[in-house]
Amino acid sequence: DLLLSNSCIPFLGSTEGLDFRTLLLDEERGRLLIGAKDHIFLLNLVDLNKNVKKIYWPAAKEKVELCKLAGKDAHTECANFIRVLQSYNRTHVYVCGTGAFHPLCGYIELG
């Protein structure tokens, strides 16, 4: 119904089935951060498909191999699923991912 009424703009930036998991709305700067499988997207709230920025952040290859050796599915479990996006201060966002069952966290500078 929303598409038919022109009441929304779909995000066309990813047709890769990235399994979106977490969102962080930055109203002050008019941005939306999306955590997905091995990726973090930074979108413009006015037009989701304009100037899309993407960070590729996969799990380390050795962690993926350990995950597969543990019997986990390589495509649905052995990746870096971004689970935490939290504003840290005016310039940085704290981000954490599963890291193929070896969690890792870091900071993203929003410049």
C-alpha atoms as a PDB file:
ATOM      1  CA  ASP A   1       0.000   0.000   0.000  1.00  0.00           C
ATOM      2  CA  LEU A   2       2.803   2.440   0.840  1.00  0.00           C
ATOM      3  CA  LEU A   3       4.512   1.873  -2.511  1.00  0.00           C
ATOM      4  CA  LEU A   4       1.263   2.243  -4.425  1.00  0.00           C
ATOM      5  CA  SER A   5       0.456   5.527  -2.676  1.00  0.00           C
ATOM      6  CA  ASN A   6       3.985   6.930  -3.198  1.00  0.00           C
ATOM      7  CA  SER A   7       4.285   7.333   0.578  1.00  0.00           C
ATOM      8  CA  CYS A   8       7.716   5.723   0.869  1.00  0.00           C
ATOM      9  CA  ILE A   9      11.071   5.446  -0.836  1.00  0.00           C
ATOM     10  CA  PRO A  10      12.469   1.904  -0.809  1.00  0.00           C
ATOM     11  CA  PHE A  11      16.191   1.450  -0.153  1.00  0.00           C
ATOM     12  CA  LEU A  12      17.638   0.052  -3.368  1.00  0.00           C
ATOM     13  CA  GLY A  13      21.256  -0.024  -2.258  1.00  0.00           C
ATOM     14  CA  SER A  14      21.434  -3.704  -1.456  1.00  0.00           C
ATOM     15  CA  THR A  15      19.968  -6.650  -3.267  1.00  0.00           C
ATOM     16  CA  GLU A  16      22.565  -8.993  -1.785  1.00  0.00           C
ATOM     17  CA  GLY A  17      20.367 -10.362   1.029  1.00  0.00           C
ATOM     18  CA  LEU A  18      22.498  -8.816   3.749  1.00  0.00           C
ATOM     19  CA  ASP A  19      20.162  -9.647   6.617  1.00  0.00           C
ATOM     20  CA  PHE A  20      19.627  -6.215   8.194  1.00  0.00           C
ATOM     21  CA  ARG A  21      19.752  -6.450  11.991  1.00  0.00           C
ATOM     22  CA  THR A  22      20.035  -3.098  13.738  1.00  0.00           C
ATOM     23  CA  LEU A  23      19.283   0.573  13.109  1.00  0.00           C
ATOM     24  CA  LEU A  24      20.504   3.863  14.537  1.00  0.00           C
ATOM     25  CA  LEU A  25      18.614   7.041  13.703  1.00  0.00           C
ATOM     26  CA  ASP A  26      20.683  10.247  13.733  1.00  0.00           C
ATOM     27  CA  GLU A  27      17.947  12.878  13.457  1.00  0.00           C
ATOM     28  CA  GLU A  28      20.338  15.759  14.128  1.00  0.00           C
ATOM     29  CA  ARG A  29      22.327  15.016  10.967  1.00  0.00           C
ATOM     30  CA  GLY A  30      19.467  13.455   8.986  1.00  0.00           C
ATOM     31  CA  ARG A  31      21.103  10.028   8.705  1.00  0.00           C
ATOM     32  CA  LEU A  32      20.234   6.417   9.301  1.00  0.00           C
ATOM     33  CA  LEU A  33      22.830   3.760  10.104  1.00  0.00           C
ATOM     34  CA  ILE A  34      21.938   0.165   9.340  1.00  0.00           C
ATOM     35  CA  GLY A  35      23.832  -2.865  10.607  1.00  0.00           C
ATOM     36  CA  ALA A  36      23.729  -5.936   8.401  1.00  0.00           C
ATOM     37  CA  LYS A  37      25.695  -9.071   7.559  1.00  0.00           C
ATOM     38  CA  ASP A  38      29.323  -7.919   7.103  1.00  0.00           C
ATOM     39  CA  HIS A  39      28.214  -4.339   6.313  1.00  0.00           C
ATOM     40  CA  ILE A  40      27.271  -1.023   7.881  1.00  0.00           C
ATOM     41  CA  PHE A  41      25.252   1.399   5.760  1.00  0.00           C
ATOM     42  CA  LEU A  42      24.989   5.157   6.271  1.00  0.00           C
ATOM     43  CA  LEU A  43      21.902   6.564   4.535  1.00  0.00           C
ATOM     44  CA  ASN A  44      20.499  10.041   3.982  1.00  0.00           C
ATOM     45  CA  LEU A  45      17.004  10.343   5.517  1.00  0.00           C
ATOM     46  CA  VAL A  46      15.748  12.650   2.751  1.00  0.00           C
ATOM     47  CA  ASP A  47      16.657  10.169   0.015  1.00  0.00           C
ATOM     48  CA  LEU A  48      17.779   6.718   1.166  1.00  0.00           C
ATOM     49  CA  ASN A  49      19.404   6.015  -2.198  1.00  0.00           C
ATOM     50  CA  LYS A  50      21.438   9.222  -2.480  1.00  0.00           C
ATOM     51  CA  ASN A  51      25.120   9.148  -1.490  1.00  0.00           C
ATOM     52  CA  VAL A  52      24.868   5.770   0.263  1.00  0.00           C
ATOM     53  CA  LYS A  53      28.016   5.017   2.213  1.00  0.00           C
ATOM     54  CA  LYS A  54      28.891   1.426   3.005  1.00  0.00           C
ATOM     55  CA  ILE A  55      31.533  -0.108   5.255  1.00  0.00           C
ATOM     56  CA  TYR A  56      32.479  -3.709   4.532  1.00  0.00           C
ATOM     57  CA  TRP A  57      33.425  -5.347   7.854  1.00  0.00           C
ATOM     58  CA  PRO A  58      33.618  -9.140   7.536  1.00  0.00           C
ATOM     59  CA  ALA A  59      34.764 -11.566  10.205  1.00  0.00           C
ATOM     60  CA  ALA A  60      38.411 -12.605  10.019  1.00  0.00           C
ATOM     61  CA  LYS A  61      38.971 -15.560   7.675  1.00  0.00           C
ATOM     62  CA  GLU A  62      40.451 -17.699  10.446  1.00  0.00           C
ATOM     63  CA  LYS A  63      37.384 -17.051  12.644  1.00  0.00           C
ATOM     64  CA  VAL A  64      35.095 -18.053   9.760  1.00  0.00           C
ATOM     65  CA  GLU A  65      37.074 -21.280   9.317  1.00  0.00           C
ATOM     66  CA  LEU A  66      36.836 -22.054  13.059  1.00  0.00           C
ATOM     67  CA  CYS A  67      33.106 -21.387  12.889  1.00  0.00           C
ATOM     68  CA  LYS A  68      32.683 -23.826   9.997  1.00  0.00           C
ATOM     69  CA  LEU A  69      34.810 -26.444  11.786  1.00  0.00           C
ATOM     70  CA  ALA A  70      32.422 -26.111  14.756  1.00  0.00           C
ATOM     71  CA  GLY A  71      29.604 -27.263  12.461  1.00  0.00           C
ATOM     72  CA  LYS A  72      27.970 -23.875  11.874  1.00  0.00           C
ATOM     73  CA  ASP A  73      26.510 -22.906   8.510  1.00  0.00           C
ATOM     74  CA  ALA A  74      29.006 -20.832   6.495  1.00  0.00           C
ATOM     75  CA  HIS A  75      26.330 -18.618   4.913  1.00  0.00           C
ATOM     76  CA  THR A  76      23.924 -18.018   7.779  1.00  0.00           C
ATOM     77  CA  GLU A  77      26.100 -18.158  10.906  1.00  0.00           C
ATOM     78  CA  CYS A  78      29.791 -17.648  10.078  1.00  0.00           C
ATOM     79  CA  ALA A  79      29.813 -13.940   9.315  1.00  0.00           C
ATOM     80  CA  ASN A  80      30.051 -10.643  11.150  1.00  0.00           C
ATOM     81  CA  PHE A  81      26.430  -9.763  11.875  1.00  0.00           C
ATOM     82  CA  ILE A  82      26.342  -6.174  13.144  1.00  0.00           C
ATOM     83  CA  ARG A  83      24.311  -6.207  16.369  1.00  0.00           C
ATOM     84  CA  VAL A  84      25.127  -2.911  18.122  1.00  0.00           C
ATOM     85  CA  LEU A  85      25.069   0.631  16.744  1.00  0.00           C
ATOM     86  CA  GLN A  86      25.195   3.169  19.564  1.00  0.00           C
ATOM     87  CA  SER A  87      25.972   6.882  19.513  1.00  0.00           C
ATOM     88  CA  TYR A  88      29.177   7.411  21.470  1.00  0.00           C
ATOM     89  CA  ASN A  89      29.584  11.159  21.100  1.00  0.00           C
ATOM     90  CA  ARG A  90      28.975  13.834  18.442  1.00  0.00           C
ATOM     91  CA  THR A  91      31.611  12.382  16.120  1.00  0.00           C
ATOM     92  CA  HIS A  92      31.658   8.623  16.733  1.00  0.00           C
ATOM     93  CA  VAL A  93      29.368   5.593  16.808  1.00  0.00           C
ATOM     94  CA  TYR A  94      30.192   2.478  18.815  1.00  0.00           C
ATOM     95  CA  VAL A  95      29.606  -0.677  16.766  1.00  0.00           C
ATOM     96  CA  CYS A  96      29.797  -4.388  17.590  1.00  0.00           C
ATOM     97  CA  GLY A  97      29.438  -7.473  15.450  1.00  0.00           C
ATOM     98  CA  THR A  98      29.314 -11.213  16.038  1.00  0.00           C
ATOM     99  CA  GLY A  99      32.613 -11.849  14.240  1.00  0.00           C
ATOM    100  CA  ALA A 100      31.696 -15.478  13.393  1.00  0.00           C
ATOM    101  CA  PHE A 101      31.181 -16.276  17.097  1.00  0.00           C
ATOM    102  CA  HIS A 102      34.203 -14.135  18.113  1.00  0.00           C
ATOM    103  CA  PRO A 103      32.586 -10.751  18.892  1.00  0.00           C
ATOM    104  CA  LEU A 104      34.416  -7.575  17.981  1.00  0.00           C
ATOM    105  CA  CYS A 105      33.684  -3.915  18.551  1.00  0.00           C
ATOM    106  CA  GLY A 106      35.012  -0.605  17.337  1.00  0.00           C
ATOM    107  CA  TYR A 107      34.257   3.038  16.685  1.00  0.00           C
ATOM    108  CA  ILE A 108      33.185   4.674  13.451  1.00  0.00           C
ATOM    109  CA  GLU A 109      34.036   8.315  12.910  1.00  0.00           C
ATOM    110  CA  LEU A 110      31.104  10.100  11.296  1.00  0.00           C
ATOM    111  CA  GLY A 111      32.909  12.609   9.131  1.00  0.00           C
END
